[in-house]
């Protein structure tokens, strides 16, 4: 039996290989055929009229390709990389002052900042959210934030918004975070549940993970 791989710039054939392979072995074979970089992807396959087995990570090359192996997707938790200690300390005074002033857990504020901007005060999203807490212009106006890139203004505005969301959803942190990401009306329309948006459903556990890490730092 012959095998053919396409999609990453080289051609390779392997002989005398059984097709009745278990899923894990198939995955290993595909990883070997595709190389390290391509192994971190879904694998597709088909057998042509000559009995040649074809593998690829680019199914659009031929509509005969069918999914053979799906690479496990990283969880939201595994993607939550902590910011540097220097970044945390740089804005720690501002975060603690805003958290104390508005009655919100400082660890939660740090968690939101970590997920939103990675402690970059000049961050701007494709949707126009800006600053440490990635405030949208309408939200900034609602809370009197004139300069989105001023860390003090941005954090105080974001913490006030977070406080109002926690009050709106009766202290439910998951719903408050969903509201921070998707807007409170989206949460309400979803029946006071996390809206069915992939971004929001990934965002909430990511922030919760950061929150637990910052809480642990306090000892």
Protein backbone atom coordinates (compact mmCIF):
# COMPACT_ATOMS: atom_id res chain seq x y z
CA UNK A 1 0.00 0.00 0.00
CA UNK A 2 1.34 3.45 -0.93
CA UNK A 3 0.79 6.75 0.83
CA UNK A 4 0.99 10.24 -0.53
CA UNK A 5 1.16 13.49 1.42
CA UNK A 6 0.36 16.92 0.01
CA UNK A 7 0.01 20.37 1.48
CA UNK A 8 3.35 21.24 3.08
CA UNK A 9 5.78 21.34 0.15
CA UNK A 10 7.15 17.76 -0.16
CA UNK A 11 6.13 14.30 -1.48
CA UNK A 12 6.70 11.09 0.40
CA UNK A 13 5.64 7.46 -0.05
CA UNK A 14 5.70 4.68 2.49
CA UNK A 15 5.21 1.01 1.66
CA UNK A 16 3.71 -2.01 3.44
CA UNK A 17 1.63 -0.08 5.94
CA UNK A 18 -1.64 -1.47 7.27
CA UNK A 19 -4.83 0.59 7.02
CA UNK A 20 -6.52 -1.06 10.00
CA UNK A 21 -4.62 1.20 12.41
CA UNK A 22 -6.05 2.52 15.66
CA UNK A 23 -6.79 6.22 15.88
CA UNK A 24 -3.73 7.07 17.96
CA UNK A 25 -1.43 5.21 15.56
CA UNK A 26 -3.05 6.91 12.57
CA UNK A 27 -2.44 10.25 14.22
CA UNK A 28 1.20 9.37 14.81
CA UNK A 29 1.61 8.26 11.19
CA UNK A 30 0.03 11.48 9.96
CA UNK A 31 2.27 13.52 12.22
CA UNK A 32 5.32 11.74 10.78
CA UNK A 33 4.15 12.37 7.24
CA UNK A 34 3.30 16.00 7.79
CA UNK A 35 6.24 17.06 9.92
CA UNK A 36 6.29 18.90 13.24
CA UNK A 37 4.55 22.12 12.21
CA UNK A 38 1.78 20.47 10.18
CA UNK A 39 1.17 17.89 12.91
CA UNK A 40 -0.43 20.63 14.96
CA UNK A 41 -3.47 20.63 12.67
CA UNK A 42 -6.39 18.55 11.47
CA UNK A 43 -5.44 15.72 9.12
CA UNK A 44 -7.52 14.75 6.05
CA UNK A 45 -7.21 11.69 3.84
CA UNK A 46 -8.63 9.78 0.88
CA UNK A 47 -7.68 6.68 -1.13
CA UNK A 48 -7.56 7.14 -4.89
CA UNK A 49 -8.50 4.65 -7.61
CA UNK A 50 -4.97 3.19 -7.62
CA UNK A 51 -5.09 2.45 -3.91
CA UNK A 52 -2.78 5.29 -2.98
CA UNK A 53 -3.57 6.84 0.38
CA UNK A 54 -3.33 10.65 0.37
CA UNK A 55 -2.84 12.83 3.47
CA UNK A 56 -3.04 16.61 3.83
CA UNK A 57 -3.74 19.40 6.28
CA UNK A 58 -5.30 21.48 3.47
CA UNK A 59 -8.61 19.76 2.52
CA UNK A 60 -9.47 22.37 -0.11
CA UNK A 61 -6.89 20.80 -2.44
CA UNK A 62 -9.33 18.03 -3.36
CA UNK A 63 -12.96 17.59 -2.33
CA UNK A 64 -12.38 13.87 -1.86
CA UNK A 65 -10.45 14.59 1.34
CA UNK A 66 -12.28 13.50 4.50
CA UNK A 67 -11.35 14.27 8.08
CA UNK A 68 -9.09 11.54 9.45
CA UNK A 69 -7.76 13.07 12.67
CA UNK A 70 -8.76 16.20 14.56
CA UNK A 71 -6.02 17.86 16.58
CA UNK A 72 -7.09 18.63 20.14
CA UNK A 73 -7.80 22.32 20.57
CA UNK A 74 -6.07 24.13 23.44
CA UNK A 75 -8.40 25.04 26.27
CA UNK A 76 -9.01 28.61 27.36
CA UNK A 77 -7.05 27.77 30.53
CA UNK A 78 -3.97 26.67 28.62
CA UNK A 79 -3.92 29.96 26.71
CA UNK A 80 -3.99 32.13 29.84
CA UNK A 81 -0.38 33.26 30.10
CA UNK A 82 0.41 35.49 33.07
CA UNK A 83 1.78 38.96 32.33
CA UNK A 84 5.28 39.78 33.52
CA UNK A 85 5.93 40.72 37.11
CA UNK A 86 7.22 44.11 35.94
CA UNK A 87 3.95 44.88 34.13
CA UNK A 88 1.89 43.85 37.14
CA UNK A 89 3.89 46.03 39.50
CA UNK A 90 3.86 48.98 37.09
CA UNK A 91 0.09 49.40 37.42
CA UNK A 92 -0.45 47.78 40.81
CA UNK A 93 -0.99 51.08 42.65
CA UNK A 94 -3.58 52.25 40.12
CA UNK A 95 -5.41 48.92 40.18
CA UNK A 96 -5.49 48.72 43.97
CA UNK A 97 -6.68 52.32 44.32
CA UNK A 98 -9.50 51.83 41.79
CA UNK A 99 -10.51 48.49 43.28
CA UNK A 100 -10.61 49.94 46.79
CA UNK A 101 -12.47 53.06 45.67
CA UNK A 102 -15.21 51.13 43.85
CA UNK A 103 -15.41 48.01 46.00
CA UNK A 104 -14.20 45.45 43.47
CA UNK A 105 -11.68 42.70 44.16
CA UNK A 106 -8.28 43.89 42.91
CA UNK A 107 -7.47 40.34 41.73
CA UNK A 108 -10.52 40.46 39.46
CA UNK A 109 -9.43 43.80 38.01
CA UNK A 110 -5.95 42.43 37.35
CA UNK A 111 -7.50 39.36 35.73
CA UNK A 112 -9.63 41.47 33.37
CA UNK A 113 -6.63 43.62 32.43
CA UNK A 114 -4.54 40.49 31.77
CA UNK A 115 -7.16 39.07 29.43
CA UNK A 116 -8.05 42.36 27.76
CA UNK A 117 -4.71 44.04 27.11
CA UNK A 118 -1.95 42.04 28.77
CA UNK A 119 -1.19 45.22 30.78
CA UNK A 120 -0.50 47.25 27.63
CA UNK A 121 -1.95 50.76 28.21
CA UNK A 122 -1.76 51.53 24.46
CA UNK A 123 -3.59 48.43 23.27
CA UNK A 124 -6.32 48.95 20.65
CA UNK A 125 -8.59 46.16 19.41
CA UNK A 126 -10.01 45.80 15.90
CA UNK A 127 -13.38 46.89 17.30
CA UNK A 128 -11.95 50.08 18.79
CA UNK A 129 -11.65 49.04 22.44
CA UNK A 130 -8.67 50.82 23.97
CA UNK A 131 -6.35 50.97 26.94
CA UNK A 132 -5.63 48.66 29.82
CA UNK A 133 -9.24 47.55 30.31
CA UNK A 134 -10.12 47.84 26.62
CA UNK A 135 -13.00 50.27 27.00
CA UNK A 136 -15.21 50.92 24.01
CA UNK A 137 -15.77 54.62 23.26
CA UNK A 138 -19.44 54.46 24.32
CA UNK A 139 -18.54 52.83 27.62
CA UNK A 140 -15.79 55.37 28.19
CA UNK A 141 -18.24 58.24 27.68
CA UNK A 142 -20.76 56.60 30.01
CA UNK A 143 -18.19 56.58 32.81
CA UNK A 144 -16.59 59.93 32.08
CA UNK A 145 -13.32 58.62 30.66
CA UNK A 146 -11.89 61.31 28.41
CA UNK A 147 -8.49 59.81 27.67
CA UNK A 148 -8.73 56.08 27.01
CA UNK A 149 -4.95 55.75 27.10
CA UNK A 150 -4.54 57.32 30.52
CA UNK A 151 -4.09 54.32 32.85
CA UNK A 152 -5.79 56.03 35.80
CA UNK A 153 -8.85 57.10 33.84
CA UNK A 154 -9.09 53.83 31.95
CA UNK A 155 -8.83 51.59 35.01
CA UNK A 156 -11.25 53.64 37.10
CA UNK A 157 -13.77 53.64 34.25
CA UNK A 158 -13.38 49.91 33.67
CA UNK A 159 -13.68 49.09 37.37
CA UNK A 160 -16.85 51.17 37.69
CA UNK A 161 -18.31 49.31 34.74
CA UNK A 162 -17.31 45.99 36.28
CA UNK A 163 -18.91 47.03 39.57
CA UNK A 164 -22.19 47.87 37.83
CA UNK A 165 -22.16 44.55 35.98
CA UNK A 166 -21.63 42.63 39.23
CA UNK A 167 -24.56 44.51 40.76
CA UNK A 168 -26.74 43.93 37.71
CA UNK A 169 -26.14 40.19 37.80
CA UNK A 170 -26.38 39.84 41.58
CA UNK A 171 -22.69 39.24 42.13
CA UNK A 172 -22.44 36.45 39.54
CA UNK A 173 -18.87 36.88 38.36
CA UNK A 174 -19.33 34.69 35.27
CA UNK A 175 -22.26 36.74 34.00
CA UNK A 176 -20.54 40.02 34.86
CA UNK A 177 -17.50 38.98 32.83
CA UNK A 178 -19.71 37.84 29.97
CA UNK A 179 -21.34 41.27 30.07
CA UNK A 180 -17.95 42.97 30.07
CA UNK A 181 -17.01 41.07 26.92
CA UNK A 182 -20.28 40.93 25.00
CA UNK A 183 -22.32 43.71 26.62
CA UNK A 184 -24.88 43.35 29.38
CA UNK A 185 -27.78 43.29 26.91
CA UNK A 186 -26.37 40.20 25.22
CA UNK A 187 -26.34 38.40 28.56
CA UNK A 188 -29.90 39.48 29.30
CA UNK A 189 -31.09 38.38 25.84
CA UNK A 190 -29.47 34.98 26.49
CA UNK A 191 -31.70 34.56 29.53
CA UNK A 192 -29.07 35.71 32.04
CA UNK A 193 -26.63 33.14 30.76
CA UNK A 194 -23.30 33.41 28.99
CA UNK A 195 -24.18 34.24 25.36
CA UNK A 196 -23.43 31.57 22.74
CA UNK A 197 -20.54 33.51 21.25
CA UNK A 198 -17.26 31.54 21.00
CA UNK A 199 -15.24 34.61 21.99
CA UNK A 200 -17.30 35.19 25.13
CA UNK A 201 -17.43 31.52 26.07
CA UNK A 202 -13.63 31.40 25.88
CA UNK A 203 -13.20 34.77 27.56
CA UNK A 204 -15.05 34.00 30.79
CA UNK A 205 -13.04 30.91 31.86
CA UNK A 206 -9.85 32.64 30.77
CA UNK A 207 -10.50 35.57 33.11
CA UNK A 208 -11.58 33.22 35.90
CA UNK A 209 -8.28 31.39 35.48
CA UNK A 210 -6.35 34.65 35.76
CA UNK A 211 -8.47 35.62 38.76
CA UNK A 212 -7.62 32.41 40.59
CA UNK A 213 -3.93 32.92 39.87
CA UNK A 214 -3.94 36.47 41.17
CA UNK A 215 -5.85 35.36 44.26
CA UNK A 216 -3.23 32.67 44.86
CA UNK A 217 -0.46 35.28 44.63
CA UNK A 218 -1.89 37.00 47.68
CA UNK A 219 -1.29 33.86 49.74
